[in-house]
């Protein structure tokens, strides 16, 4: 009878230690996530970062700025305004494979 009680207490202690270890792991993960979120909040409070992200993701511009679009070789300066207004790629580019486009970029004249 005493052996059964000792086994029961030992098993219960093992289960508690197992839960503590699991909770420590979860807590460490949450601490890391908290630090990451604090860093993100810090970046989002920085006006320069907000401006950079708005320019990159939303194509925002400062008053008086004109965007410059780099086109393929031989497109000419006259096509830069047309390229600015045309956001969709040509159907020819969509049909060609990526490998062929890279090959043409480096080896065609």
PDB file of N, CA and C in Angstrom:
ATOM      1  N   UNK A   1       0.815  -1.182   0.000  1.00  0.00           N
ATOM      2  CA  UNK A   1       0.000   0.000   0.000  1.00  0.00           C
ATOM      3  C   UNK A   1       0.866   1.256   0.000  1.00  0.00           C
ATOM      4  N   UNK A   2       1.933   1.265   0.778  1.00  0.00           N
ATOM      5  CA  UNK A   2       2.826   2.415   0.848  1.00  0.00           C
ATOM      6  C   UNK A   2       3.525   2.627  -0.503  1.00  0.00           C
ATOM      7  N   UNK A   3       3.905   1.532  -1.170  1.00  0.00           N
ATOM      8  CA  UNK A   3       4.553   1.623  -2.484  1.00  0.00           C
ATOM      9  C   UNK A   3       3.631   2.260  -3.509  1.00  0.00           C
ATOM     10  N   UNK A   4       2.348   1.931  -3.438  1.00  0.00           N
ATOM     11  CA  UNK A   4       1.368   2.499  -4.357  1.00  0.00           C
ATOM     12  C   UNK A   4       1.244   4.008  -4.137  1.00  0.00           C
ATOM     13  N   UNK A   5       1.243   4.450  -2.898  1.00  0.00           N
ATOM     14  CA  UNK A   5       1.162   5.876  -2.582  1.00  0.00           C
ATOM     15  C   UNK A   5       2.401   6.614  -3.090  1.00  0.00           C
ATOM     16  N   UNK A   6       3.567   6.007  -2.879  1.00  0.00           N
ATOM     17  CA  UNK A   6       4.815   6.627  -3.330  1.00  0.00           C
ATOM     18  C   UNK A   6       4.820   6.746  -4.851  1.00  0.00           C
ATOM     19  N   UNK A   7       4.373   5.679  -5.518  1.00  0.00           N
ATOM     20  CA  UNK A   7       4.286   5.707  -6.979  1.00  0.00           C
ATOM     21  C   UNK A   7       3.328   6.807  -7.434  1.00  0.00           C
ATOM     22  N   UNK A   8       2.182   6.923  -6.779  1.00  0.00           N
ATOM     23  CA  UNK A   8       1.196   7.944  -7.143  1.00  0.00           C
ATOM     24  C   UNK A   8       1.744   9.352  -6.977  1.00  0.00           C
ATOM     25  N   UNK A   9       2.436   9.606  -5.876  1.00  0.00           N
ATOM     26  CA  UNK A   9       3.012  10.923  -5.629  1.00  0.00           C
ATOM     27  C   UNK A   9       4.131  11.201  -6.633  1.00  0.00           C
ATOM     28  N   UNK A  10       4.960  10.199  -6.910  1.00  0.00           N
ATOM     29  CA  UNK A  10       6.054  10.378  -7.873  1.00  0.00           C
ATOM     30  C   UNK A  10       5.510  10.666  -9.269  1.00  0.00           C
ATOM     31  N   UNK A  11       4.480   9.946  -9.659  1.00  0.00           N
ATOM     32  CA  UNK A  11       3.888  10.159 -10.983  1.00  0.00           C
ATOM     33  C   UNK A  11       3.254  11.549 -11.071  1.00  0.00           C
ATOM     34  N   UNK A  12       2.592  11.959 -10.008  1.00  0.00           N
ATOM     35  CA  UNK A  12       1.984  13.283  -9.973  1.00  0.00           C
ATOM     36  C   UNK A  12       3.064  14.367 -10.074  1.00  0.00           C
ATOM     37  N   UNK A  13       4.183  14.172  -9.389  1.00  0.00           N
ATOM     38  CA  UNK A  13       5.299  15.117  -9.458  1.00  0.00           C
ATOM     39  C   UNK A  13       5.868  15.172 -10.874  1.00  0.00           C
ATOM     40  N   UNK A  14       5.981  14.009 -11.512  1.00  0.00           N
ATOM     41  CA  UNK A  14       6.467  13.938 -12.891  1.00  0.00           C
ATOM     42  C   UNK A  14       5.541  14.728 -13.821  1.00  0.00           C
ATOM     43  N   UNK A  15       4.225  14.555 -13.677  1.00  0.00           N
ATOM     44  CA  UNK A  15       3.257  15.261 -14.516  1.00  0.00           C
ATOM     45  C   UNK A  15       3.340  16.775 -14.296  1.00  0.00           C
ATOM     46  N   UNK A  16       3.491  17.180 -13.059  1.00  0.00           N
ATOM     47  CA  UNK A  16       3.599  18.611 -12.752  1.00  0.00           C
ATOM     48  C   UNK A  16       4.872  19.190 -13.366  1.00  0.00           C
ATOM     49  N   UNK A  17       5.982  18.476 -13.234  1.00  0.00           N
ATOM     50  CA  UNK A  17       7.242  18.938 -13.823  1.00  0.00           C
ATOM     51  C   UNK A  17       7.143  19.029 -15.350  1.00  0.00           C
ATOM     52  N   UNK A  18       6.434  18.081 -15.944  1.00  0.00           N
ATOM     53  CA  UNK A  18       6.231  18.077 -17.392  1.00  0.00           C
ATOM     54  C   UNK A  18       5.419  19.312 -17.808  1.00  0.00           C
ATOM     55  N   UNK A  19       4.368  19.629 -17.052  1.00  0.00           N
ATOM     56  CA  UNK A  19       3.559  20.818 -17.347  1.00  0.00           C
ATOM     57  C   UNK A  19       4.367  22.091 -17.157  1.00  0.00           C
ATOM     58  N   UNK A  20       5.198  22.136 -16.112  1.00  0.00           N
ATOM     59  CA  UNK A  20       6.030  23.315 -15.863  1.00  0.00           C
ATOM     60  C   UNK A  20       6.996  23.526 -17.024  1.00  0.00           C
ATOM     61  N   UNK A  21       7.604  22.451 -17.501  1.00  0.00           N
ATOM     62  CA  UNK A  21       8.529  22.548 -18.630  1.00  0.00           C
ATOM     63  C   UNK A  21       7.809  23.055 -19.873  1.00  0.00           C
ATOM     64  N   UNK A  22       6.630  22.523 -20.127  1.00  0.00           N
ATOM     65  CA  UNK A  22       5.845  22.963 -21.284  1.00  0.00           C
ATOM     66  C   UNK A  22       5.479  24.432 -21.159  1.00  0.00           C
ATOM     67  N   UNK A  23       5.046  24.844 -19.980  1.00  0.00           N
ATOM     68  CA  UNK A  23       4.677  26.242 -19.780  1.00  0.00           C
ATOM     69  C   UNK A  23       5.878  27.175 -19.871  1.00  0.00           C
ATOM     70  N   UNK A  24       7.046  26.715 -19.420  1.00  0.00           N
ATOM     71  CA  UNK A  24       8.265  27.517 -19.569  1.00  0.00           C
ATOM     72  C   UNK A  24       8.589  27.729 -21.043  1.00  0.00           C
ATOM     73  N   UNK A  25       8.421  26.686 -21.846  1.00  0.00           N
ATOM     74  CA  UNK A  25       8.672  26.791 -23.287  1.00  0.00           C
ATOM     75  C   UNK A  25       7.694  27.776 -23.930  1.00  0.00           C
ATOM     76  N   UNK A  26       6.424  27.659 -23.566  1.00  0.00           N
ATOM     77  CA  UNK A  26       5.415  28.570 -24.100  1.00  0.00           C
ATOM     78  C   UNK A  26       5.705  29.996 -23.674  1.00  0.00           C
ATOM     79  N   UNK A  27       6.094  30.182 -22.432  1.00  0.00           N
ATOM     80  CA  UNK A  27       6.397  31.507 -21.914  1.00  0.00           C
ATOM     81  C   UNK A  27       7.592  32.124 -22.635  1.00  0.00           C
ATOM     82  N   UNK A  28       8.610  31.312 -22.919  1.00  0.00           N
ATOM     83  CA  UNK A  28       9.780  31.813 -23.647  1.00  0.00           C
ATOM     84  C   UNK A  28       9.372  32.253 -25.057  1.00  0.00           C
ATOM     85  N   UNK A  29       8.523  31.463 -25.704  1.00  0.00           N
ATOM     86  CA  UNK A  29       8.042  31.833 -27.034  1.00  0.00           C
ATOM     87  C   UNK A  29       7.237  33.120 -27.005  1.00  0.00           C
ATOM     88  N   UNK A  30       6.395  33.260 -26.004  1.00  0.00           N
ATOM     89  CA  UNK A  30       5.593  34.476 -25.882  1.00  0.00           C
ATOM     90  C   UNK A  30       6.453  35.693 -25.549  1.00  0.00           C
ATOM     91  N   UNK A  31       7.496  35.480 -24.759  1.00  0.00           N
ATOM     92  CA  UNK A  31       8.413  36.587 -24.455  1.00  0.00           C
ATOM     93  C   UNK A  31       9.104  37.073 -25.727  1.00  0.00           C
ATOM     94  N   UNK A  32       9.524  36.133 -26.562  1.00  0.00           N
ATOM     95  CA  UNK A  32      10.160  36.499 -27.831  1.00  0.00           C
ATOM     96  C   UNK A  32       9.171  37.240 -28.724  1.00  0.00           C
ATOM     97  N   UNK A  33       7.942  36.752 -28.777  1.00  0.00           N
ATOM     98  CA  UNK A  33       6.919  37.406 -29.590  1.00  0.00           C
ATOM     99  C   UNK A  33       6.638  38.812 -29.072  1.00  0.00           C
ATOM    100  N   UNK A  34       6.627  38.979 -27.749  1.00  0.00           N
ATOM    101  CA  UNK A  34       6.414  40.295 -27.147  1.00  0.00           C
ATOM    102  C   UNK A  34       7.530  41.244 -27.543  1.00  0.00           C
ATOM    103  N   UNK A  35       8.769  40.768 -27.494  1.00  0.00           N
ATOM    104  CA  UNK A  35       9.904  41.605 -27.881  1.00  0.00           C
ATOM    105  C   UNK A  35       9.804  41.996 -29.352  1.00  0.00           C
ATOM    106  N   UNK A  36       9.422  41.041 -30.209  1.00  0.00           N
ATOM    107  CA  UNK A  36       9.267  41.337 -31.636  1.00  0.00           C
ATOM    108  C   UNK A  36       8.182  42.396 -31.850  1.00  0.00           C
ATOM    109  N   UNK A  37       7.080  42.278 -31.140  1.00  0.00           N
ATOM    110  CA  UNK A  37       5.988  43.238 -31.278  1.00  0.00           C
ATOM    111  C   UNK A  37       6.389  44.619 -30.758  1.00  0.00           C
ATOM    112  N   UNK A  38       7.167  44.653 -29.672  1.00  0.00           N
ATOM    113  CA  UNK A  38       7.650  45.940 -29.167  1.00  0.00           C
ATOM    114  C   UNK A  38       8.568  46.600 -30.188  1.00  0.00           C
ATOM    115  N   UNK A  39       9.416  45.806 -30.836  1.00  0.00           N
ATOM    116  CA  UNK A  39      10.296  46.349 -31.875  1.00  0.00           C
ATOM    117  C   UNK A  39       9.472  46.877 -33.048  1.00  0.00           C
ATOM    118  N   UNK A  40       8.425  46.155 -33.423  1.00  0.00           N
ATOM    119  CA  UNK A  40       7.555  46.602 -34.508  1.00  0.00           C
ATOM    120  C   UNK A  40       6.852  47.908 -34.147  1.00  0.00           C
ATOM    121  N   UNK A  41       6.370  48.004 -32.917  1.00  0.00           N
ATOM    122  CA  UNK A  41       5.721  49.246 -32.458  1.00  0.00           C
ATOM    123  C   UNK A  41       6.722  50.398 -32.506  1.00  0.00           C
ATOM    124  N   UNK A  42       7.945  50.133 -32.111  1.00  0.00           N
ATOM    125  CA  UNK A  42       8.978  51.165 -32.166  1.00  0.00           C
ATOM    126  C   UNK A  42       9.224  51.640 -33.589  1.00  0.00           C
ATOM    127  N   UNK A  43       9.269  50.697 -34.527  1.00  0.00           N
ATOM    128  CA  UNK A  43       9.457  51.078 -35.933  1.00  0.00           C
ATOM    129  C   UNK A  43       8.254  51.853 -36.448  1.00  0.00           C
ATOM    130  N   UNK A  44       7.055  51.418 -36.066  1.00  0.00           N
ATOM    131  CA  UNK A  44       5.846  52.081 -36.563  1.00  0.00           C
ATOM    132  C   UNK A  44       5.666  53.484 -35.988  1.00  0.00           C
ATOM    133  N   UNK A  45       6.307  53.784 -34.881  1.00  0.00           N
ATOM    134  CA  UNK A  45       6.258  55.134 -34.314  1.00  0.00           C
ATOM    135  C   UNK A  45       7.277  56.059 -34.963  1.00  0.00           C
ATOM    136  N   UNK A  46       8.201  55.505 -35.748  1.00  0.00           N
ATOM    137  CA  UNK A  46       9.227  56.293 -36.428  1.00  0.00           C
ATOM    138  C   UNK A  46       8.659  56.838 -37.739  1.00  0.00           C
ATOM    139  N   UNK A  47       8.622  58.159 -37.871  1.00  0.00           N
ATOM    140  CA  UNK A  47       8.035  58.793 -39.056  1.00  0.00           C
ATOM    141  C   UNK A  47       8.807  58.444 -40.333  1.00  0.00           C
ATOM    142  N   UNK A  48      10.131  58.300 -40.243  1.00  0.00           N
ATOM    143  CA  UNK A  48      10.919  57.947 -41.419  1.00  0.00           C
ATOM    144  C   UNK A  48      10.555  56.551 -41.917  1.00  0.00           C
ATOM    145  N   UNK A  49      10.356  55.616 -40.993  1.00  0.00           N
ATOM    146  CA  UNK A  49       9.980  54.261 -41.373  1.00  0.00           C
ATOM    147  C   UNK A  49       8.598  54.258 -42.035  1.00  0.00           C
ATOM    148  N   UNK A  50       7.667  55.013 -41.468  1.00  0.00           N
ATOM    149  CA  UNK A  50       6.315  55.083 -42.047  1.00  0.00           C
ATOM    150  C   UNK A  50       6.378  55.659 -43.458  1.00  0.00           C
ATOM    151  N   UNK A  51       7.166  56.706 -43.634  1.00  0.00           N
ATOM    152  CA  UNK A  51       7.291  57.309 -44.961  1.00  0.00           C
ATOM    153  C   UNK A  51       7.908  56.323 -45.952  1.00  0.00           C
ATOM    154  N   UNK A  52       8.939  55.627 -45.517  1.00  0.00           N
ATOM    155  CA  UNK A  52       9.607  54.656 -46.389  1.00  0.00           C
ATOM    156  C   UNK A  52       8.649  53.556 -46.814  1.00  0.00           C
ATOM    157  N   UNK A  53       7.886  53.018 -45.863  1.00  0.00           N
ATOM    158  CA  UNK A  53       6.934  51.952 -46.179  1.00  0.00           C
ATOM    159  C   UNK A  53       5.810  52.461 -47.082  1.00  0.00           C
ATOM    160  N   UNK A  54       5.339  53.686 -46.845  1.00  0.00           N
ATOM    161  CA  UNK A  54       4.280  54.255 -47.687  1.00  0.00           C
ATOM    162  C   UNK A  54       4.781  54.454 -49.109  1.00  0.00           C
ATOM    163  N   UNK A  55       6.009  54.875 -49.251  1.00  0.00           N
ATOM    164  CA  UNK A  55       6.581  55.054 -50.595  1.00  0.00           C
ATOM    165  C   UNK A  55       6.738  53.705 -51.296  1.00  0.00           C
ATOM    166  N   UNK A  56       7.216  52.716 -50.539  1.00  0.00           N
ATOM    167  CA  UNK A  56       7.495  51.410 -51.138  1.00  0.00           C
ATOM    168  C   UNK A  56       6.217  50.650 -51.463  1.00  0.00           C
ATOM    169  N   UNK A  57       5.293  50.570 -50.530  1.00  0.00           N
ATOM    170  CA  UNK A  57       4.121  49.713 -50.700  1.00  0.00           C
ATOM    171  C   UNK A  57       2.935  50.414 -51.347  1.00  0.00           C
ATOM    172  N   UNK A  58       2.804  51.725 -51.119  1.00  0.00           N
ATOM    173  CA  UNK A  58       1.633  52.445 -51.602  1.00  0.00           C
ATOM    174  C   UNK A  58       1.963  53.439 -52.719  1.00  0.00           C
ATOM    175  N   UNK A  59       3.230  53.476 -53.118  1.00  0.00           N
ATOM    176  CA  UNK A  59       3.690  54.372 -54.188  1.00  0.00           C
ATOM    177  C   UNK A  59       3.394  55.838 -53.884  1.00  0.00           C
ATOM    178  N   UNK A  60       3.513  56.245 -52.634  1.00  0.00           N
ATOM    179  CA  UNK A  60       3.313  57.640 -52.264  1.00  0.00           C
ATOM    180  C   UNK A  60       4.512  58.463 -52.713  1.00  0.00           C
ATOM    181  N   UNK A  61       4.255  59.749 -52.951  1.00  0.00           N
ATOM    182  CA  UNK A  61       5.298  60.662 -53.382  1.00  0.00           C
ATOM    183  C   UNK A  61       5.179  61.961 -52.601  1.00  0.00           C
ATOM    184  N   UNK A  62       6.295  62.658 -52.480  1.00  0.00           N
ATOM    185  CA  UNK A  62       6.264  63.990 -51.897  1.00  0.00           C
ATOM    186  C   UNK A  62       5.780  64.958 -52.974  1.00  0.00           C
ATOM    187  N   UNK A  63       5.182  66.074 -52.561  1.00  0.00           N
ATOM    188  CA  UNK A  63       4.742  67.055 -53.565  1.00  0.00           C
ATOM    189  C   UNK A  63       5.918  67.524 -54.411  1.00  0.00           C
ATOM    190  N   UNK A  64       5.723  67.527 -55.720  1.00  0.00           N
ATOM    191  CA  UNK A  64       6.769  67.963 -56.634  1.00  0.00           C
ATOM    192  C   UNK A  64       7.689  66.847 -57.107  1.00  0.00           C
ATOM    193  N   UNK A  65       7.618  65.678 -56.512  1.00  0.00           N
ATOM    194  CA  UNK A  65       8.453  64.558 -56.953  1.00  0.00           C
ATOM    195  C   UNK A  65       7.857  63.908 -58.185  1.00  0.00           C
ATOM    196  N   UNK A  66       8.732  63.413 -59.034  1.00  0.00           N
ATOM    197  CA  UNK A  66       8.283  62.659 -60.193  1.00  0.00           C
ATOM    198  C   UNK A  66       8.936  61.286 -60.141  1.00  0.00           C
ATOM    199  N   UNK A  67       8.158  60.228 -60.249  1.00  0.00           N
ATOM    200  CA  UNK A  67       8.752  58.894 -60.187  1.00  0.00           C
ATOM    201  C   UNK A  67       9.554  58.586 -61.444  1.00  0.00           C
ATOM    202  N   UNK A  68      10.570  57.795 -61.276  1.00  0.00           N
ATOM    203  CA  UNK A  68      11.390  57.346 -62.395  1.00  0.00           C
ATOM    204  C   UNK A  68      11.188  55.850 -62.535  1.00  0.00           C
ATOM    205  N   UNK A  69      10.849  55.428 -63.734  1.00  0.00           N
ATOM    206  CA  UNK A  69      10.643  54.010 -63.988  1.00  0.00           C
ATOM    207  C   UNK A  69      11.701  53.548 -64.961  1.00  0.00           C
ATOM    208  N   UNK A  70      12.410  52.510 -64.596  1.00  0.00           N
ATOM    209  CA  UNK A  70      13.463  51.968 -65.436  1.00  0.00           C
ATOM    210  C   UNK A  70      12.842  50.871 -66.283  1.00  0.00           C
ATOM    211  N   UNK A  71      12.975  51.007 -67.594  1.00  0.00           N
ATOM    212  CA  UNK A  71      12.399  50.020 -68.508  1.00  0.00           C
ATOM    213  C   UNK A  71      13.500  49.193 -69.133  1.00  0.00           C
ATOM    214  N   UNK A  72      13.095  48.253 -69.965  1.00  0.00           N
ATOM    215  CA  UNK A  72      14.072  47.398 -70.635  1.00  0.00           C
ATOM    216  C   UNK A  72      14.961  48.217 -71.560  1.00  0.00           C
ATOM    217  N   UNK A  73      16.125  47.672 -71.865  1.00  0.00           N
ATOM    218  CA  UNK A  73      17.081  48.328 -72.744  1.00  0.00           C
ATOM    219  C   UNK A  73      16.429  48.571 -74.107  1.00  0.00           C
ATOM    220  N   UNK A  74      16.596  49.782 -74.617  1.00  0.00           N
ATOM    221  CA  UNK A  74      16.054  50.117 -75.923  1.00  0.00           C
ATOM    222  C   UNK A  74      14.630  50.640 -75.880  1.00  0.00           C
ATOM    223  N   UNK A  75      14.050  50.787 -74.717  1.00  0.00           N
ATOM    224  CA  UNK A  75      12.682  51.275 -74.635  1.00  0.00           C
ATOM    225  C   UNK A  75      12.615  52.760 -74.963  1.00  0.00           C
ATOM    226  N   UNK A  76      13.678  53.502 -74.706  1.00  0.00           N
ATOM    227  CA  UNK A  76      13.725  54.913 -75.050  1.00  0.00           C
ATOM    228  C   UNK A  76      13.140  55.790 -73.967  1.00  0.00           C
ATOM    229  N   UNK A  77      13.549  57.046 -73.989  1.00  0.00           N
ATOM    230  CA  UNK A  77      13.097  57.999 -72.973  1.00  0.00           C
ATOM    231  C   UNK A  77      11.648  58.397 -73.183  1.00  0.00           C
ATOM    232  N   UNK A  78      11.169  58.346 -74.420  1.00  0.00           N
ATOM    233  CA  UNK A  78       9.793  58.761 -74.699  1.00  0.00           C
ATOM    234  C   UNK A  78       8.773  57.806 -74.102  1.00  0.00           C
ATOM    235  N   UNK A  79       9.166  56.580 -73.867  1.00  0.00           N
ATOM    236  CA  UNK A  79       8.238  55.588 -73.335  1.00  0.00           C
ATOM    237  C   UNK A  79       8.142  55.629 -71.813  1.00  0.00           C
ATOM    238  N   UNK A  80       8.940  56.468 -71.153  1.00  0.00           N
ATOM    239  CA  UNK A  80       8.928  56.457 -69.686  1.00  0.00           C
ATOM    240  C   UNK A  80       7.591  56.927 -69.130  1.00  0.00           C
ATOM    241  N   UNK A  81       6.968  57.912 -69.752  1.00  0.00           N
ATOM    242  CA  UNK A  81       5.656  58.363 -69.280  1.00  0.00           C
ATOM    243  C   UNK A  81       4.598  57.306 -69.530  1.00  0.00           C
ATOM    244  N   UNK A  82       4.685  56.628 -70.663  1.00  0.00           N
ATOM    245  CA  UNK A  82       3.731  55.556 -70.952  1.00  0.00           C
ATOM    246  C   UNK A  82       3.926  54.407 -69.977  1.00  0.00           C
ATOM    247  N   UNK A  83       5.176  54.108 -69.635  1.00  0.00           N
ATOM    248  CA  UNK A  83       5.441  53.029 -68.686  1.00  0.00           C
ATOM    249  C   UNK A  83       4.930  53.387 -67.298  1.00  0.00           C
ATOM    250  N   UNK A  84       4.990  54.654 -66.950  1.00  0.00           N
ATOM    251  CA  UNK A  84       4.494  55.100 -65.636  1.00  0.00           C
ATOM    252  C   UNK A  84       2.993  54.869 -65.533  1.00  0.00           C
ATOM    253  N   UNK A  85       2.281  55.154 -66.579  1.00  0.00           N
ATOM    254  CA  UNK A  85       0.831  55.015 -66.566  1.00  0.00           C
ATOM    255  C   UNK A  85       0.374  53.578 -66.786  1.00  0.00           C
ATOM    256  N   UNK A  86       1.214  52.755 -67.366  1.00  0.00           N
ATOM    257  CA  UNK A  86       0.839  51.373 -67.664  1.00  0.00           C
ATOM    258  C   UNK A  86       1.461  50.461 -66.623  1.00  0.00           C
ATOM    259  N   UNK A  87       0.666  49.981 -65.686  1.00  0.00           N
ATOM    260  CA  UNK A  87       1.207  49.134 -64.624  1.00  0.00           C
ATOM    261  C   UNK A  87       1.209  47.664 -65.006  1.00  0.00           C
ATOM    262  N   UNK A  88       0.423  47.275 -65.970  1.00  0.00           N
ATOM    263  CA  UNK A  88       0.359  45.869 -66.373  1.00  0.00           C
ATOM    264  C   UNK A  88       1.478  45.570 -67.352  1.00  0.00           C
ATOM    265  N   UNK A  89       2.040  44.384 -67.274  1.00  0.00           N
ATOM    266  CA  UNK A  89       3.080  43.960 -68.208  1.00  0.00           C
ATOM    267  C   UNK A  89       2.444  43.623 -69.547  1.00  0.00           C
ATOM    268  N   UNK A  90       3.248  43.639 -70.561  1.00  0.00           N
ATOM    269  CA  UNK A  90       2.717  43.275 -71.874  1.00  0.00           C
ATOM    270  C   UNK A  90       2.407  41.780 -71.895  1.00  0.00           C
ATOM    271  N   UNK A  91       1.543  41.400 -72.803  1.00  0.00           N
ATOM    272  CA  UNK A  91       1.148  39.983 -72.876  1.00  0.00           C
ATOM    273  C   UNK A  91       2.317  39.121 -73.316  1.00  0.00           C
ATOM    274  N   UNK A  92       3.248  39.691 -74.071  1.00  0.00           N
ATOM    275  CA  UNK A  92       4.420  38.929 -74.497  1.00  0.00           C
ATOM    276  C   UNK A  92       5.259  38.516 -73.289  1.00  0.00           C
ATOM    277  N   UNK A  93       5.463  39.451 -72.333  1.00  0.00           N
ATOM    278  CA  UNK A  93       6.243  39.152 -71.136  1.00  0.00           C
ATOM    279  C   UNK A  93       5.559  38.093 -70.281  1.00  0.00           C
ATOM    280  N   UNK A  94       4.234  38.123 -70.248  1.00  0.00           N
ATOM    281  CA  UNK A  94       3.510  37.151 -69.446  1.00  0.00           C
ATOM    282  C   UNK A  94       3.615  35.749 -70.031  1.00  0.00           C
ATOM    283  N   UNK A  95       3.708  35.665 -71.366  1.00  0.00           N
ATOM    284  CA  UNK A  95       3.760  34.356 -72.011  1.00  0.00           C
ATOM    285  C   UNK A  95       5.153  33.734 -71.929  1.00  0.00           C
ATOM    286  N   UNK A  96       6.208  34.552 -71.897  1.00  0.00           N
ATOM    287  CA  UNK A  96       7.560  34.024 -71.868  1.00  0.00           C
ATOM    288  C   UNK A  96       7.902  33.518 -70.469  1.00  0.00           C
ATOM    289  N   UNK A  97       8.684  32.455 -70.424  1.00  0.00           N
ATOM    290  CA  UNK A  97       9.077  31.905 -69.129  1.00  0.00           C
ATOM    291  C   UNK A  97      10.097  32.823 -68.473  1.00  0.00           C
ATOM    292  N   UNK A  98      10.228  32.665 -67.181  1.00  0.00           N
ATOM    293  CA  UNK A  98      11.153  33.488 -66.417  1.00  0.00           C
ATOM    294  C   UNK A  98      12.590  33.260 -66.874  1.00  0.00           C
ATOM    295  N   UNK A  99      12.927  32.026 -67.162  1.00  0.00           N
ATOM    296  CA  UNK A  99      14.296  31.712 -67.604  1.00  0.00           C
ATOM    297  C   UNK A  99      14.592  32.416 -68.913  1.00  0.00           C
ATOM    298  N   UNK A 100      13.638  32.410 -69.834  1.00  0.00           N
ATOM    299  CA  UNK A 100      13.842  33.070 -71.124  1.00  0.00           C
ATOM    300  C   UNK A 100      13.994  34.580 -70.947  1.00  0.00           C
ATOM    301  N   UNK A 101      13.219  35.161 -70.041  1.00  0.00           N
ATOM    302  CA  UNK A 101      13.347  36.596 -69.787  1.00  0.00           C
ATOM    303  C   UNK A 101      14.732  36.937 -69.242  1.00  0.00           C
ATOM    304  N   UNK A 102      15.231  36.129 -68.307  1.00  0.00           N
ATOM    305  CA  UNK A 102      16.577  36.364 -67.770  1.00  0.00           C
ATOM    306  C   UNK A 102      17.632  36.202 -68.867  1.00  0.00           C
ATOM    307  N   UNK A 103      17.482  35.169 -69.698  1.00  0.00           N
ATOM    308  CA  UNK A 103      18.428  34.943 -70.788  1.00  0.00           C
ATOM    309  C   UNK A 103      18.445  36.154 -71.719  1.00  0.00           C
ATOM    310  N   UNK A 104      17.256  36.619 -72.087  1.00  0.00           N
ATOM    311  CA  UNK A 104      17.170  37.771 -72.988  1.00  0.00           C
ATOM    312  C   UNK A 104      17.775  39.022 -72.347  1.00  0.00           C
ATOM    313  N   UNK A 105      17.601  39.172 -71.068  1.00  0.00           N
ATOM    314  CA  UNK A 105      18.120  40.355 -70.388  1.00  0.00           C
ATOM    315  C   UNK A 105      19.648  40.395 -70.436  1.00  0.00           C
ATOM    316  N   UNK A 106      20.285  39.249 -70.303  1.00  0.00           N
ATOM    317  CA  UNK A 106      21.745  39.218 -70.248  1.00  0.00           C
ATOM    318  C   UNK A 106      22.420  39.017 -71.597  1.00  0.00           C
ATOM    319  N   UNK A 107      21.784  38.287 -72.499  1.00  0.00           N
ATOM    320  CA  UNK A 107      22.481  37.889 -73.706  1.00  0.00           C
ATOM    321  C   UNK A 107      21.914  38.477 -74.998  1.00  0.00           C
ATOM    322  N   UNK A 108      20.759  39.111 -74.968  1.00  0.00           N
ATOM    323  CA  UNK A 108      20.242  39.692 -76.205  1.00  0.00           C
ATOM    324  C   UNK A 108      20.699  41.136 -76.313  1.00  0.00           C
ATOM    325  N   UNK A 109      20.705  41.617 -77.529  1.00  0.00           N
ATOM    326  CA  UNK A 109      21.163  43.003 -77.748  1.00  0.00           C
ATOM    327  C   UNK A 109      20.040  43.863 -78.232  1.00  0.00           C
TER     328      UNK A 109
END
